[in-house]
């Protein structure tokens, strides 16, 4: 089971990587990048808080693949981040934007959370 400090650390790293990916995807609108970062912090934090509260220890079993030892816990972080980012962007700075732009940024944020979760905590 992850500690609260580990959850915050992982969520902060996810937010940082997601912001970098969002900035690289251009155009660099500060409100969009900040929204992506906040959602990428909130997504994994919410998912891991649920697992912590429900004592969901079986979600932490890694797949037997050396190159990508992902668990359901890692996958949940990515999925929650995609959902949080899509909602935040669609209701926020990209409310008038295209679905493709929102989906692209949400996917990049989810990928960031997933990769950080798999390899760094």
PDB file of N, CA and C in Angstrom:
ATOM      1  N   UNK A   1       0.849  -1.180   0.000  1.00  0.00           N
ATOM      2  CA  UNK A   1       0.000   0.000   0.000  1.00  0.00           C
ATOM      3  C   UNK A   1       0.893   1.241   0.000  1.00  0.00           C
ATOM      4  N   UNK A   2       0.563   2.200  -0.830  1.00  0.00           N
ATOM      5  CA  UNK A   2       1.341   3.421  -0.925  1.00  0.00           C
ATOM      6  C   UNK A   2       1.051   4.346   0.255  1.00  0.00           C
ATOM      7  N   UNK A   3       2.084   5.037   0.693  1.00  0.00           N
ATOM      8  CA  UNK A   3       1.904   6.048   1.733  1.00  0.00           C
ATOM      9  C   UNK A   3       1.414   7.342   1.077  1.00  0.00           C
ATOM     10  N   UNK A   4       0.886   8.241   1.892  1.00  0.00           N
ATOM     11  CA  UNK A   4       0.406   9.513   1.367  1.00  0.00           C
ATOM     12  C   UNK A   4       1.550  10.318   0.744  1.00  0.00           C
ATOM     13  N   UNK A   5       2.723  10.268   1.349  1.00  0.00           N
ATOM     14  CA  UNK A   5       3.853  11.014   0.794  1.00  0.00           C
ATOM     15  C   UNK A   5       4.265  10.446  -0.561  1.00  0.00           C
ATOM     16  N   UNK A   6       4.226   9.134  -0.711  1.00  0.00           N
ATOM     17  CA  UNK A   6       4.543   8.511  -1.995  1.00  0.00           C
ATOM     18  C   UNK A   6       3.498   8.873  -3.040  1.00  0.00           C
ATOM     19  N   UNK A   7       2.230   8.891  -2.645  1.00  0.00           N
ATOM     20  CA  UNK A   7       1.170   9.273  -3.577  1.00  0.00           C
ATOM     21  C   UNK A   7       1.346  10.715  -4.049  1.00  0.00           C
ATOM     22  N   UNK A   8       1.676  11.606  -3.130  1.00  0.00           N
ATOM     23  CA  UNK A   8       1.875  13.009  -3.497  1.00  0.00           C
ATOM     24  C   UNK A   8       3.098  13.179  -4.392  1.00  0.00           C
ATOM     25  N   UNK A   9       4.159  12.454  -4.089  1.00  0.00           N
ATOM     26  CA  UNK A   9       5.373  12.489  -4.896  1.00  0.00           C
ATOM     27  C   UNK A   9       5.075  12.028  -6.323  1.00  0.00           C
ATOM     28  N   UNK A  10       4.416  10.907  -6.455  1.00  0.00           N
ATOM     29  CA  UNK A  10       4.086  10.379  -7.781  1.00  0.00           C
ATOM     30  C   UNK A  10       3.149  11.297  -8.543  1.00  0.00           C
ATOM     31  N   UNK A  11       2.174  11.852  -7.869  1.00  0.00           N
ATOM     32  CA  UNK A  11       1.233  12.760  -8.521  1.00  0.00           C
ATOM     33  C   UNK A  11       1.943  14.033  -8.979  1.00  0.00           C
ATOM     34  N   UNK A  12       2.869  14.535  -8.174  1.00  0.00           N
ATOM     35  CA  UNK A  12       3.630  15.731  -8.557  1.00  0.00           C
ATOM     36  C   UNK A  12       4.503  15.452  -9.778  1.00  0.00           C
ATOM     37  N   UNK A  13       5.142  14.291  -9.805  1.00  0.00           N
ATOM     38  CA  UNK A  13       5.943  13.926 -10.985  1.00  0.00           C
ATOM     39  C   UNK A  13       5.062  13.766 -12.220  1.00  0.00           C
ATOM     40  N   UNK A  14       3.885  13.195 -12.043  1.00  0.00           N
ATOM     41  CA  UNK A  14       2.943  13.050 -13.149  1.00  0.00           C
ATOM     42  C   UNK A  14       2.536  14.421 -13.686  1.00  0.00           C
ATOM     43  N   UNK A  15       2.272  15.347 -12.790  1.00  0.00           N
ATOM     44  CA  UNK A  15       1.888  16.707 -13.190  1.00  0.00           C
ATOM     45  C   UNK A  15       3.011  17.384 -13.970  1.00  0.00           C
ATOM     46  N   UNK A  16       4.230  17.220 -13.513  1.00  0.00           N
ATOM     47  CA  UNK A  16       5.378  17.831 -14.188  1.00  0.00           C
ATOM     48  C   UNK A  16       5.553  17.268 -15.599  1.00  0.00           C
ATOM     49  N   UNK A  17       5.545  15.940 -15.711  1.00  0.00           N
ATOM     50  CA  UNK A  17       5.718  15.331 -17.032  1.00  0.00           C
ATOM     51  C   UNK A  17       4.551  15.672 -17.954  1.00  0.00           C
ATOM     52  N   UNK A  18       3.351  15.668 -17.437  1.00  0.00           N
ATOM     53  CA  UNK A  18       2.180  16.011 -18.256  1.00  0.00           C
ATOM     54  C   UNK A  18       2.266  17.458 -18.749  1.00  0.00           C
ATOM     55  N   UNK A  19       2.709  18.370 -17.901  1.00  0.00           N
ATOM     56  CA  UNK A  19       2.859  19.770 -18.313  1.00  0.00           C
ATOM     57  C   UNK A  19       3.908  19.899 -19.412  1.00  0.00           C
ATOM     58  N   UNK A  20       5.004  19.171 -19.275  1.00  0.00           N
ATOM     59  CA  UNK A  20       6.045  19.204 -20.309  1.00  0.00           C
ATOM     60  C   UNK A  20       5.522  18.655 -21.638  1.00  0.00           C
ATOM     61  N   UNK A  21       4.778  17.567 -21.583  1.00  0.00           N
ATOM     62  CA  UNK A  21       4.210  16.993 -22.809  1.00  0.00           C
ATOM     63  C   UNK A  21       3.173  17.921 -23.435  1.00  0.00           C
ATOM     64  N   UNK A  22       2.366  18.557 -22.607  1.00  0.00           N
ATOM     65  CA  UNK A  22       1.358  19.498 -23.115  1.00  0.00           C
ATOM     66  C   UNK A  22       2.035  20.699 -23.774  1.00  0.00           C
ATOM     67  N   UNK A  23       3.109  21.180 -23.168  1.00  0.00           N
ATOM     68  CA  UNK A  23       3.834  22.310 -23.751  1.00  0.00           C
ATOM     69  C   UNK A  23       4.479  21.910 -25.072  1.00  0.00           C
ATOM     70  N   UNK A  24       4.995  20.689 -25.145  1.00  0.00           N
ATOM     71  CA  UNK A  24       5.622  20.213 -26.378  1.00  0.00           C
ATOM     72  C   UNK A  24       4.592  20.010 -27.484  1.00  0.00           C
ATOM     73  N   UNK A  25       3.359  19.699 -27.103  1.00  0.00           N
ATOM     74  CA  UNK A  25       2.305  19.469 -28.094  1.00  0.00           C
ATOM     75  C   UNK A  25       1.843  20.773 -28.735  1.00  0.00           C
ATOM     76  N   UNK A  26       2.135  21.921 -28.086  1.00  0.00           N
ATOM     77  CA  UNK A  26       1.827  23.246 -28.604  1.00  0.00           C
ATOM     78  C   UNK A  26       0.348  23.418 -28.936  1.00  0.00           C
ATOM     79  N   UNK A  27      -0.163  24.572 -29.194  1.00  0.00           N
ATOM     80  CA  UNK A  27       0.480  25.842 -28.851  1.00  0.00           C
ATOM     81  C   UNK A  27       0.545  26.025 -27.344  1.00  0.00           C
ATOM     82  N   UNK A  28       1.486  26.783 -26.889  1.00  0.00           N
ATOM     83  CA  UNK A  28       1.780  26.885 -25.458  1.00  0.00           C
ATOM     84  C   UNK A  28       0.906  27.943 -24.779  1.00  0.00           C
ATOM     85  N   UNK A  29      -0.315  27.558 -24.459  1.00  0.00           N
ATOM     86  CA  UNK A  29      -1.204  28.444 -23.704  1.00  0.00           C
ATOM     87  C   UNK A  29      -1.057  28.114 -22.226  1.00  0.00           C
ATOM     88  N   UNK A  30      -0.669  29.078 -21.399  1.00  0.00           N
ATOM     89  CA  UNK A  30      -0.451  28.815 -19.971  1.00  0.00           C
ATOM     90  C   UNK A  30      -1.661  28.197 -19.270  1.00  0.00           C
ATOM     91  N   UNK A  31      -2.865  28.639 -19.601  1.00  0.00           N
ATOM     92  CA  UNK A  31      -4.058  28.103 -18.945  1.00  0.00           C
ATOM     93  C   UNK A  31      -4.253  26.629 -19.274  1.00  0.00           C
ATOM     94  N   UNK A  32      -3.939  26.241 -20.497  1.00  0.00           N
ATOM     95  CA  UNK A  32      -4.082  24.842 -20.903  1.00  0.00           C
ATOM     96  C   UNK A  32      -3.034  23.987 -20.204  1.00  0.00           C
ATOM     97  N   UNK A  33      -1.798  24.444 -20.196  1.00  0.00           N
ATOM     98  CA  UNK A  33      -0.712  23.691 -19.555  1.00  0.00           C
ATOM     99  C   UNK A  33      -0.974  23.550 -18.059  1.00  0.00           C
ATOM    100  N   UNK A  34      -1.421  24.622 -17.420  1.00  0.00           N
ATOM    101  CA  UNK A  34      -1.713  24.568 -15.980  1.00  0.00           C
ATOM    102  C   UNK A  34      -2.865  23.612 -15.693  1.00  0.00           C
ATOM    103  N   UNK A  35      -3.885  23.626 -16.536  1.00  0.00           N
ATOM    104  CA  UNK A  35      -5.026  22.727 -16.349  1.00  0.00           C
ATOM    105  C   UNK A  35      -4.601  21.277 -16.503  1.00  0.00           C
ATOM    106  N   UNK A  36      -3.777  21.007 -17.507  1.00  0.00           N
ATOM    107  CA  UNK A  36      -3.262  19.648 -17.705  1.00  0.00           C
ATOM    108  C   UNK A  36      -2.468  19.213 -16.476  1.00  0.00           C
ATOM    109  N   UNK A  37      -1.628  20.098 -15.957  1.00  0.00           N
ATOM    110  CA  UNK A  37      -0.806  19.758 -14.794  1.00  0.00           C
ATOM    111  C   UNK A  37      -1.666  19.476 -13.559  1.00  0.00           C
ATOM    112  N   UNK A  38      -2.646  20.309 -13.308  1.00  0.00           N
ATOM    113  CA  UNK A  38      -3.513  20.113 -12.137  1.00  0.00           C
ATOM    114  C   UNK A  38      -4.300  18.809 -12.264  1.00  0.00           C
ATOM    115  N   UNK A  39      -4.814  18.534 -13.452  1.00  0.00           N
ATOM    116  CA  UNK A  39      -5.564  17.291 -13.664  1.00  0.00           C
ATOM    117  C   UNK A  39      -4.657  16.072 -13.533  1.00  0.00           C
ATOM    118  N   UNK A  40      -3.409  16.193 -14.002  1.00  0.00           N
ATOM    119  CA  UNK A  40      -2.464  15.084 -13.887  1.00  0.00           C
ATOM    120  C   UNK A  40      -1.981  14.896 -12.446  1.00  0.00           C
ATOM    121  N   UNK A  41      -2.148  15.881 -11.624  1.00  0.00           N
ATOM    122  CA  UNK A  41      -1.898  15.738 -10.190  1.00  0.00           C
ATOM    123  C   UNK A  41      -3.108  15.089  -9.519  1.00  0.00           C
ATOM    124  N   UNK A  42      -4.299  15.554  -9.891  1.00  0.00           N
ATOM    125  CA  UNK A  42      -5.528  15.087  -9.244  1.00  0.00           C
ATOM    126  C   UNK A  42      -5.898  13.652  -9.622  1.00  0.00           C
ATOM    127  N   UNK A  43      -5.683  13.264 -10.872  1.00  0.00           N
ATOM    128  CA  UNK A  43      -6.084  11.930 -11.336  1.00  0.00           C
ATOM    129  C   UNK A  43      -5.425  10.803 -10.559  1.00  0.00           C
ATOM    130  N   UNK A  44      -4.083  10.725 -10.560  1.00  0.00           N
ATOM    131  CA  UNK A  44      -3.445   9.637  -9.823  1.00  0.00           C
ATOM    132  C   UNK A  44      -3.655   9.736  -8.313  1.00  0.00           C
ATOM    133  N   UNK A  45      -3.734  10.967  -7.816  1.00  0.00           N
ATOM    134  CA  UNK A  45      -3.957  11.139  -6.382  1.00  0.00           C
ATOM    135  C   UNK A  45      -5.333  10.607  -5.990  1.00  0.00           C
ATOM    136  N   UNK A  46      -6.342  10.893  -6.789  1.00  0.00           N
ATOM    137  CA  UNK A  46      -7.694  10.396  -6.495  1.00  0.00           C
ATOM    138  C   UNK A  46      -7.743   8.869  -6.561  1.00  0.00           C
ATOM    139  N   UNK A  47      -7.159   8.294  -7.606  1.00  0.00           N
ATOM    140  CA  UNK A  47      -7.169   6.844  -7.763  1.00  0.00           C
ATOM    141  C   UNK A  47      -6.448   6.162  -6.612  1.00  0.00           C
ATOM    142  N   UNK A  48      -5.269   6.642  -6.279  1.00  0.00           N
ATOM    143  CA  UNK A  48      -4.505   6.018  -5.198  1.00  0.00           C
ATOM    144  C   UNK A  48      -5.158   6.240  -3.838  1.00  0.00           C
ATOM    145  N   UNK A  49      -5.845   7.357  -3.670  1.00  0.00           N
ATOM    146  CA  UNK A  49      -6.582   7.585  -2.426  1.00  0.00           C
ATOM    147  C   UNK A  49      -7.733   6.577  -2.295  1.00  0.00           C
ATOM    148  N   UNK A  50      -8.393   6.265  -3.404  1.00  0.00           N
ATOM    149  CA  UNK A  50      -9.453   5.256  -3.380  1.00  0.00           C
ATOM    150  C   UNK A  50      -8.879   3.896  -2.997  1.00  0.00           C
ATOM    151  N   UNK A  51      -7.753   3.525  -3.619  1.00  0.00           N
ATOM    152  CA  UNK A  51      -7.130   2.240  -3.280  1.00  0.00           C
ATOM    153  C   UNK A  51      -6.689   2.206  -1.821  1.00  0.00           C
ATOM    154  N   UNK A  52      -6.195   3.324  -1.335  1.00  0.00           N
ATOM    155  CA  UNK A  52      -5.754   3.411   0.061  1.00  0.00           C
ATOM    156  C   UNK A  52      -6.939   3.251   1.005  1.00  0.00           C
ATOM    157  N   UNK A  53      -8.035   3.933   0.705  1.00  0.00           N
ATOM    158  CA  UNK A  53      -9.212   3.898   1.578  1.00  0.00           C
ATOM    159  C   UNK A  53      -9.893   2.530   1.578  1.00  0.00           C
ATOM    160  N   UNK A  54      -9.812   1.828   0.450  1.00  0.00           N
ATOM    161  CA  UNK A  54     -10.483   0.532   0.348  1.00  0.00           C
ATOM    162  C   UNK A  54      -9.542  -0.649   0.587  1.00  0.00           C
ATOM    163  N   UNK A  55      -8.306  -0.350   0.903  1.00  0.00           N
ATOM    164  CA  UNK A  55      -7.288  -1.387   1.142  1.00  0.00           C
ATOM    165  C   UNK A  55      -7.156  -2.309  -0.072  1.00  0.00           C
ATOM    166  N   UNK A  56      -7.106  -1.708  -1.259  1.00  0.00           N
ATOM    167  CA  UNK A  56      -7.049  -2.451  -2.519  1.00  0.00           C
ATOM    168  C   UNK A  56      -5.651  -2.925  -2.872  1.00  0.00           C
ATOM    169  N   UNK A  57      -5.080  -3.753  -2.032  1.00  0.00           N
ATOM    170  CA  UNK A  57      -3.698  -4.192  -2.227  1.00  0.00           C
ATOM    171  C   UNK A  57      -3.509  -5.090  -3.442  1.00  0.00           C
ATOM    172  N   UNK A  58      -4.522  -5.790  -3.885  1.00  0.00           N
ATOM    173  CA  UNK A  58      -4.359  -6.697  -5.016  1.00  0.00           C
ATOM    174  C   UNK A  58      -4.204  -5.962  -6.345  1.00  0.00           C
ATOM    175  N   UNK A  59      -4.464  -4.671  -6.371  1.00  0.00           N
ATOM    176  CA  UNK A  59      -4.279  -3.881  -7.575  1.00  0.00           C
ATOM    177  C   UNK A  59      -2.799  -3.613  -7.851  1.00  0.00           C
ATOM    178  N   UNK A  60      -1.925  -3.914  -6.902  1.00  0.00           N
ATOM    179  CA  UNK A  60      -0.510  -3.598  -7.014  1.00  0.00           C
ATOM    180  C   UNK A  60       0.324  -4.743  -7.569  1.00  0.00           C
ATOM    181  N   UNK A  61      -0.290  -5.769  -8.127  1.00  0.00           N
ATOM    182  CA  UNK A  61       0.440  -6.895  -8.696  1.00  0.00           C
ATOM    183  C   UNK A  61       0.906  -6.535 -10.103  1.00  0.00           C
ATOM    184  N   UNK A  62       2.225  -6.515 -10.311  1.00  0.00           N
ATOM    185  CA  UNK A  62       2.780  -6.137 -11.606  1.00  0.00           C
ATOM    186  C   UNK A  62       2.656  -7.269 -12.617  1.00  0.00           C
ATOM    187  N   UNK A  63       2.509  -6.888 -13.872  1.00  0.00           N
ATOM    188  CA  UNK A  63       2.480  -7.860 -14.956  1.00  0.00           C
ATOM    189  C   UNK A  63       3.868  -8.495 -15.088  1.00  0.00           C
ATOM    190  N   UNK A  64       3.933  -9.748 -15.500  1.00  0.00           N
ATOM    191  CA  UNK A  64       5.230 -10.432 -15.601  1.00  0.00           C
ATOM    192  C   UNK A  64       5.980 -10.093 -16.897  1.00  0.00           C
ATOM    193  N   UNK A  65       6.014  -8.827 -17.254  1.00  0.00           N
ATOM    194  CA  UNK A  65       6.708  -8.368 -18.459  1.00  0.00           C
ATOM    195  C   UNK A  65       7.803  -7.408 -18.005  1.00  0.00           C
ATOM    196  N   UNK A  66       9.049  -7.786 -18.216  1.00  0.00           N
ATOM    197  CA  UNK A  66      10.168  -7.006 -17.695  1.00  0.00           C
ATOM    198  C   UNK A  66      10.195  -5.577 -18.237  1.00  0.00           C
ATOM    199  N   UNK A  67       9.902  -5.391 -19.508  1.00  0.00           N
ATOM    200  CA  UNK A  67       9.973  -4.060 -20.111  1.00  0.00           C
ATOM    201  C   UNK A  67       8.830  -3.147 -19.669  1.00  0.00           C
ATOM    202  N   UNK A  68       7.687  -3.718 -19.339  1.00  0.00           N
ATOM    203  CA  UNK A  68       6.522  -2.930 -18.928  1.00  0.00           C
ATOM    204  C   UNK A  68       5.804  -3.641 -17.789  1.00  0.00           C
ATOM    205  N   UNK A  69       6.347  -3.528 -16.572  1.00  0.00           N
ATOM    206  CA  UNK A  69       5.750  -4.228 -15.422  1.00  0.00           C
ATOM    207  C   UNK A  69       4.553  -3.477 -14.831  1.00  0.00           C
ATOM    208  N   UNK A  70       3.551  -3.221 -15.657  1.00  0.00           N
ATOM    209  CA  UNK A  70       2.396  -2.436 -15.222  1.00  0.00           C
ATOM    210  C   UNK A  70       1.444  -3.259 -14.367  1.00  0.00           C
ATOM    211  N   UNK A  71       0.810  -2.583 -13.440  1.00  0.00           N
ATOM    212  CA  UNK A  71      -0.218  -3.208 -12.600  1.00  0.00           C
ATOM    213  C   UNK A  71      -1.547  -2.506 -12.865  1.00  0.00           C
ATOM    214  N   UNK A  72      -2.617  -3.062 -12.278  1.00  0.00           N
ATOM    215  CA  UNK A  72      -3.914  -2.394 -12.382  1.00  0.00           C
ATOM    216  C   UNK A  72      -3.875  -1.039 -11.695  1.00  0.00           C
ATOM    217  N   UNK A  73      -3.069  -0.923 -10.659  1.00  0.00           N
ATOM    218  CA  UNK A  73      -2.925   0.354  -9.970  1.00  0.00           C
ATOM    219  C   UNK A  73      -2.320   1.390 -10.913  1.00  0.00           C
ATOM    220  N   UNK A  74      -1.292   1.007 -11.662  1.00  0.00           N
ATOM    221  CA  UNK A  74      -0.665   1.916 -12.624  1.00  0.00           C
ATOM    222  C   UNK A  74      -1.660   2.325 -13.703  1.00  0.00           C
ATOM    223  N   UNK A  75      -2.393   1.355 -14.214  1.00  0.00           N
ATOM    224  CA  UNK A  75      -3.371   1.607 -15.258  1.00  0.00           C
ATOM    225  C   UNK A  75      -4.471   2.543 -14.761  1.00  0.00           C
ATOM    226  N   UNK A  76      -4.919   2.331 -13.548  1.00  0.00           N
ATOM    227  CA  UNK A  76      -5.949   3.201 -12.970  1.00  0.00           C
ATOM    228  C   UNK A  76      -5.491   4.641 -12.875  1.00  0.00           C
ATOM    229  N   UNK A  77      -4.233   4.852 -12.552  1.00  0.00           N
ATOM    230  CA  UNK A  77      -3.705   6.219 -12.500  1.00  0.00           C
ATOM    231  C   UNK A  77      -3.809   6.885 -13.868  1.00  0.00           C
ATOM    232  N   UNK A  78      -3.472   6.147 -14.914  1.00  0.00           N
ATOM    233  CA  UNK A  78      -3.571   6.694 -16.257  1.00  0.00           C
ATOM    234  C   UNK A  78      -5.009   6.975 -16.667  1.00  0.00           C
ATOM    235  N   UNK A  79      -5.901   6.050 -16.365  1.00  0.00           N
ATOM    236  CA  UNK A  79      -7.307   6.211 -16.733  1.00  0.00           C
ATOM    237  C   UNK A  79      -7.945   7.384 -15.979  1.00  0.00           C
ATOM    238  N   UNK A  80      -7.702   7.472 -14.691  1.00  0.00           N
ATOM    239  CA  UNK A  80      -8.250   8.587 -13.912  1.00  0.00           C
ATOM    240  C   UNK A  80      -7.703   9.923 -14.412  1.00  0.00           C
ATOM    241  N   UNK A  81      -6.440   9.940 -14.819  1.00  0.00           N
ATOM    242  CA  UNK A  81      -5.837  11.174 -15.325  1.00  0.00           C
ATOM    243  C   UNK A  81      -6.442  11.571 -16.662  1.00  0.00           C
ATOM    244  N   UNK A  82      -6.676  10.608 -17.538  1.00  0.00           N
ATOM    245  CA  UNK A  82      -7.325  10.921 -18.814  1.00  0.00           C
ATOM    246  C   UNK A  82      -8.704  11.536 -18.557  1.00  0.00           C
ATOM    247  N   UNK A  83      -9.466  10.922 -17.674  1.00  0.00           N
ATOM    248  CA  UNK A  83     -10.812  11.430 -17.383  1.00  0.00           C
ATOM    249  C   UNK A  83     -10.764  12.823 -16.757  1.00  0.00           C
ATOM    250  N   UNK A  84      -9.897  13.005 -15.775  1.00  0.00           N
ATOM    251  CA  UNK A  84      -9.797  14.312 -15.101  1.00  0.00           C
ATOM    252  C   UNK A  84      -9.346  15.395 -16.077  1.00  0.00           C
ATOM    253  N   UNK A  85      -8.392  15.069 -16.934  1.00  0.00           N
ATOM    254  CA  UNK A  85      -7.873  16.055 -17.883  1.00  0.00           C
ATOM    255  C   UNK A  85      -8.921  16.415 -18.931  1.00  0.00           C
ATOM    256  N   UNK A  86      -9.597  15.422 -19.461  1.00  0.00           N
ATOM    257  CA  UNK A  86     -10.629  15.695 -20.469  1.00  0.00           C
ATOM    258  C   UNK A  86     -11.741  16.576 -19.892  1.00  0.00           C
ATOM    259  N   UNK A  87     -12.177  16.252 -18.687  1.00  0.00           N
ATOM    260  CA  UNK A  87     -13.214  17.080 -18.050  1.00  0.00           C
ATOM    261  C   UNK A  87     -12.722  18.496 -17.773  1.00  0.00           C
ATOM    262  N   UNK A  88     -11.534  18.603 -17.212  1.00  0.00           N
ATOM    263  CA  UNK A  88     -11.008  19.923 -16.853  1.00  0.00           C
ATOM    264  C   UNK A  88     -10.795  20.798 -18.088  1.00  0.00           C
ATOM    265  N   UNK A  89     -10.250  20.227 -19.143  1.00  0.00           N
ATOM    266  CA  UNK A  89     -10.033  21.010 -20.360  1.00  0.00           C
ATOM    267  C   UNK A  89     -11.347  21.329 -21.062  1.00  0.00           C
ATOM    268  N   UNK A  90     -12.236  20.346 -21.137  1.00  0.00           N
ATOM    269  CA  UNK A  90     -13.510  20.544 -21.822  1.00  0.00           C
ATOM    270  C   UNK A  90     -14.432  21.535 -21.137  1.00  0.00           C
ATOM    271  N   UNK A  91     -14.324  21.614 -19.820  1.00  0.00           N
ATOM    272  CA  UNK A  91     -15.136  22.576 -19.068  1.00  0.00           C
ATOM    273  C   UNK A  91     -14.390  23.872 -18.795  1.00  0.00           C
ATOM    274  N   UNK A  92     -13.091  23.856 -19.078  1.00  0.00           N
ATOM    275  CA  UNK A  92     -12.240  25.010 -18.783  1.00  0.00           C
ATOM    276  C   UNK A  92     -11.712  25.681 -20.034  1.00  0.00           C
ATOM    277  N   UNK A  93     -10.386  25.754 -20.140  1.00  0.00           N
ATOM    278  CA  UNK A  93      -9.784  26.577 -21.184  1.00  0.00           C
ATOM    279  C   UNK A  93     -10.017  26.109 -22.616  1.00  0.00           C
ATOM    280  N   UNK A  94     -10.409  24.883 -22.831  1.00  0.00           N
ATOM    281  CA  UNK A  94     -10.682  24.408 -24.190  1.00  0.00           C
ATOM    282  C   UNK A  94     -12.161  24.106 -24.409  1.00  0.00           C
ATOM    283  N   UNK A  95     -13.014  24.796 -23.674  1.00  0.00           N
ATOM    284  CA  UNK A  95     -14.459  24.573 -23.802  1.00  0.00           C
ATOM    285  C   UNK A  95     -14.939  24.796 -25.236  1.00  0.00           C
ATOM    286  N   UNK A  96     -14.320  25.704 -25.938  1.00  0.00           N
ATOM    287  CA  UNK A  96     -14.690  25.960 -27.329  1.00  0.00           C
ATOM    288  C   UNK A  96     -13.742  25.250 -28.295  1.00  0.00           C
ATOM    289  N   UNK A  97     -12.861  24.442 -27.752  1.00  0.00           N
ATOM    290  CA  UNK A  97     -11.875  23.751 -28.577  1.00  0.00           C
ATOM    291  C   UNK A  97     -12.438  22.508 -29.236  1.00  0.00           C
ATOM    292  N   UNK A  98     -11.575  21.842 -29.977  1.00  0.00           N
ATOM    293  CA  UNK A  98     -11.999  20.620 -30.662  1.00  0.00           C
ATOM    294  C   UNK A  98     -11.830  19.411 -29.755  1.00  0.00           C
ATOM    295  N   UNK A  99     -12.648  18.411 -29.999  1.00  0.00           N
ATOM    296  CA  UNK A  99     -12.534  17.164 -29.254  1.00  0.00           C
ATOM    297  C   UNK A  99     -11.183  16.509 -29.464  1.00  0.00           C
ATOM    298  N   UNK A 100     -10.634  16.644 -30.661  1.00  0.00           N
ATOM    299  CA  UNK A 100      -9.332  16.057 -30.964  1.00  0.00           C
ATOM    300  C   UNK A 100      -8.240  16.667 -30.094  1.00  0.00           C
ATOM    301  N   UNK A 101      -8.266  17.957 -29.920  1.00  0.00           N
ATOM    302  CA  UNK A 101      -7.255  18.641 -29.095  1.00  0.00           C
ATOM    303  C   UNK A 101      -7.384  18.197 -27.631  1.00  0.00           C
ATOM    304  N   UNK A 102      -8.597  18.157 -27.139  1.00  0.00           N
ATOM    305  CA  UNK A 102      -8.832  17.730 -25.760  1.00  0.00           C
ATOM    306  C   UNK A 102      -8.404  16.276 -25.580  1.00  0.00           C
ATOM    307  N   UNK A 103      -8.784  15.413 -26.512  1.00  0.00           N
ATOM    308  CA  UNK A 103      -8.427  13.991 -26.417  1.00  0.00           C
ATOM    309  C   UNK A 103      -6.915  13.797 -26.482  1.00  0.00           C
ATOM    310  N   UNK A 104      -6.241  14.551 -27.336  1.00  0.00           N
ATOM    311  CA  UNK A 104      -4.783  14.436 -27.445  1.00  0.00           C
ATOM    312  C   UNK A 104      -4.105  14.823 -26.145  1.00  0.00           C
ATOM    313  N   UNK A 105      -4.482  15.962 -25.595  1.00  0.00           N
ATOM    314  CA  UNK A 105      -3.864  16.416 -24.351  1.00  0.00           C
ATOM    315  C   UNK A 105      -4.210  15.496 -23.185  1.00  0.00           C
ATOM    316  N   UNK A 106      -5.442  15.004 -23.135  1.00  0.00           N
ATOM    317  CA  UNK A 106      -5.835  14.078 -22.064  1.00  0.00           C
ATOM    318  C   UNK A 106      -5.052  12.779 -22.171  1.00  0.00           C
ATOM    319  N   UNK A 107      -4.852  12.299 -23.389  1.00  0.00           N
ATOM    320  CA  UNK A 107      -4.080  11.070 -23.585  1.00  0.00           C
ATOM    321  C   UNK A 107      -2.624  11.267 -23.182  1.00  0.00           C
ATOM    322  N   UNK A 108      -2.042  12.395 -23.540  1.00  0.00           N
ATOM    323  CA  UNK A 108      -0.657  12.681 -23.132  1.00  0.00           C
ATOM    324  C   UNK A 108      -0.535  12.747 -21.612  1.00  0.00           C
ATOM    325  N   UNK A 109      -1.501  13.368 -20.970  1.00  0.00           N
ATOM    326  CA  UNK A 109      -1.474  13.450 -19.497  1.00  0.00           C
ATOM    327  C   UNK A 109      -1.629  12.060 -18.888  1.00  0.00           C
ATOM    328  N   UNK A 110      -2.537  11.262 -19.427  1.00  0.00           N
ATOM    329  CA  UNK A 110      -2.725   9.899 -18.933  1.00  0.00           C
ATOM    330  C   UNK A 110      -1.492   9.043 -19.129  1.00  0.00           C
ATOM    331  N   UNK A 111      -0.849   9.195 -20.268  1.00  0.00           N
ATOM    332  CA  UNK A 111       0.385   8.466 -20.540  1.00  0.00           C
ATOM    333  C   UNK A 111       1.477   8.874 -19.554  1.00  0.00           C
ATOM    334  N   UNK A 112       1.558  10.168 -19.261  1.00  0.00           N
ATOM    335  CA  UNK A 112       2.541  10.648 -18.290  1.00  0.00           C
ATOM    336  C   UNK A 112       2.307  10.011 -16.922  1.00  0.00           C
ATOM    337  N   UNK A 113       1.063  10.008 -16.463  1.00  0.00           N
ATOM    338  CA  UNK A 113       0.746   9.423 -15.155  1.00  0.00           C
ATOM    339  C   UNK A 113       1.043   7.928 -15.136  1.00  0.00           C
ATOM    340  N   UNK A 114       0.702   7.243 -16.219  1.00  0.00           N
ATOM    341  CA  UNK A 114       0.945   5.804 -16.315  1.00  0.00           C
ATOM    342  C   UNK A 114       2.438   5.494 -16.268  1.00  0.00           C
ATOM    343  N   UNK A 115       3.214   6.187 -17.068  1.00  0.00           N
ATOM    344  CA  UNK A 115       4.662   5.931 -17.128  1.00  0.00           C
ATOM    345  C   UNK A 115       5.333   6.244 -15.798  1.00  0.00           C
ATOM    346  N   UNK A 116       4.979   7.359 -15.197  1.00  0.00           N
ATOM    347  CA  UNK A 116       5.547   7.715 -13.886  1.00  0.00           C
ATOM    348  C   UNK A 116       5.184   6.641 -12.874  1.00  0.00           C
ATOM    349  N   UNK A 117       3.948   6.214 -12.898  1.00  0.00           N
ATOM    350  CA  UNK A 117       3.474   5.197 -11.944  1.00  0.00           C
ATOM    351  C   UNK A 117       4.201   3.873 -12.131  1.00  0.00           C
ATOM    352  N   UNK A 118       4.376   3.445 -13.364  1.00  0.00           N
ATOM    353  CA  UNK A 118       5.029   2.156 -13.634  1.00  0.00           C
ATOM    354  C   UNK A 118       6.501   2.174 -13.213  1.00  0.00           C
ATOM    355  N   UNK A 119       7.202   3.216 -13.573  1.00  0.00           N
ATOM    356  CA  UNK A 119       8.651   3.192 -13.443  1.00  0.00           C
ATOM    357  C   UNK A 119       9.241   3.950 -12.258  1.00  0.00           C
ATOM    358  N   UNK A 120       8.490   4.853 -11.633  1.00  0.00           N
ATOM    359  CA  UNK A 120       9.100   5.663 -10.581  1.00  0.00           C
ATOM    360  C   UNK A 120       8.526   5.503  -9.180  1.00  0.00           C
ATOM    361  N   UNK A 121       7.396   4.800  -9.052  1.00  0.00           N
ATOM    362  CA  UNK A 121       6.896   4.529  -7.691  1.00  0.00           C
ATOM    363  C   UNK A 121       5.942   3.395  -7.663  1.00  0.00           C
TER     364      UNK A 121
END
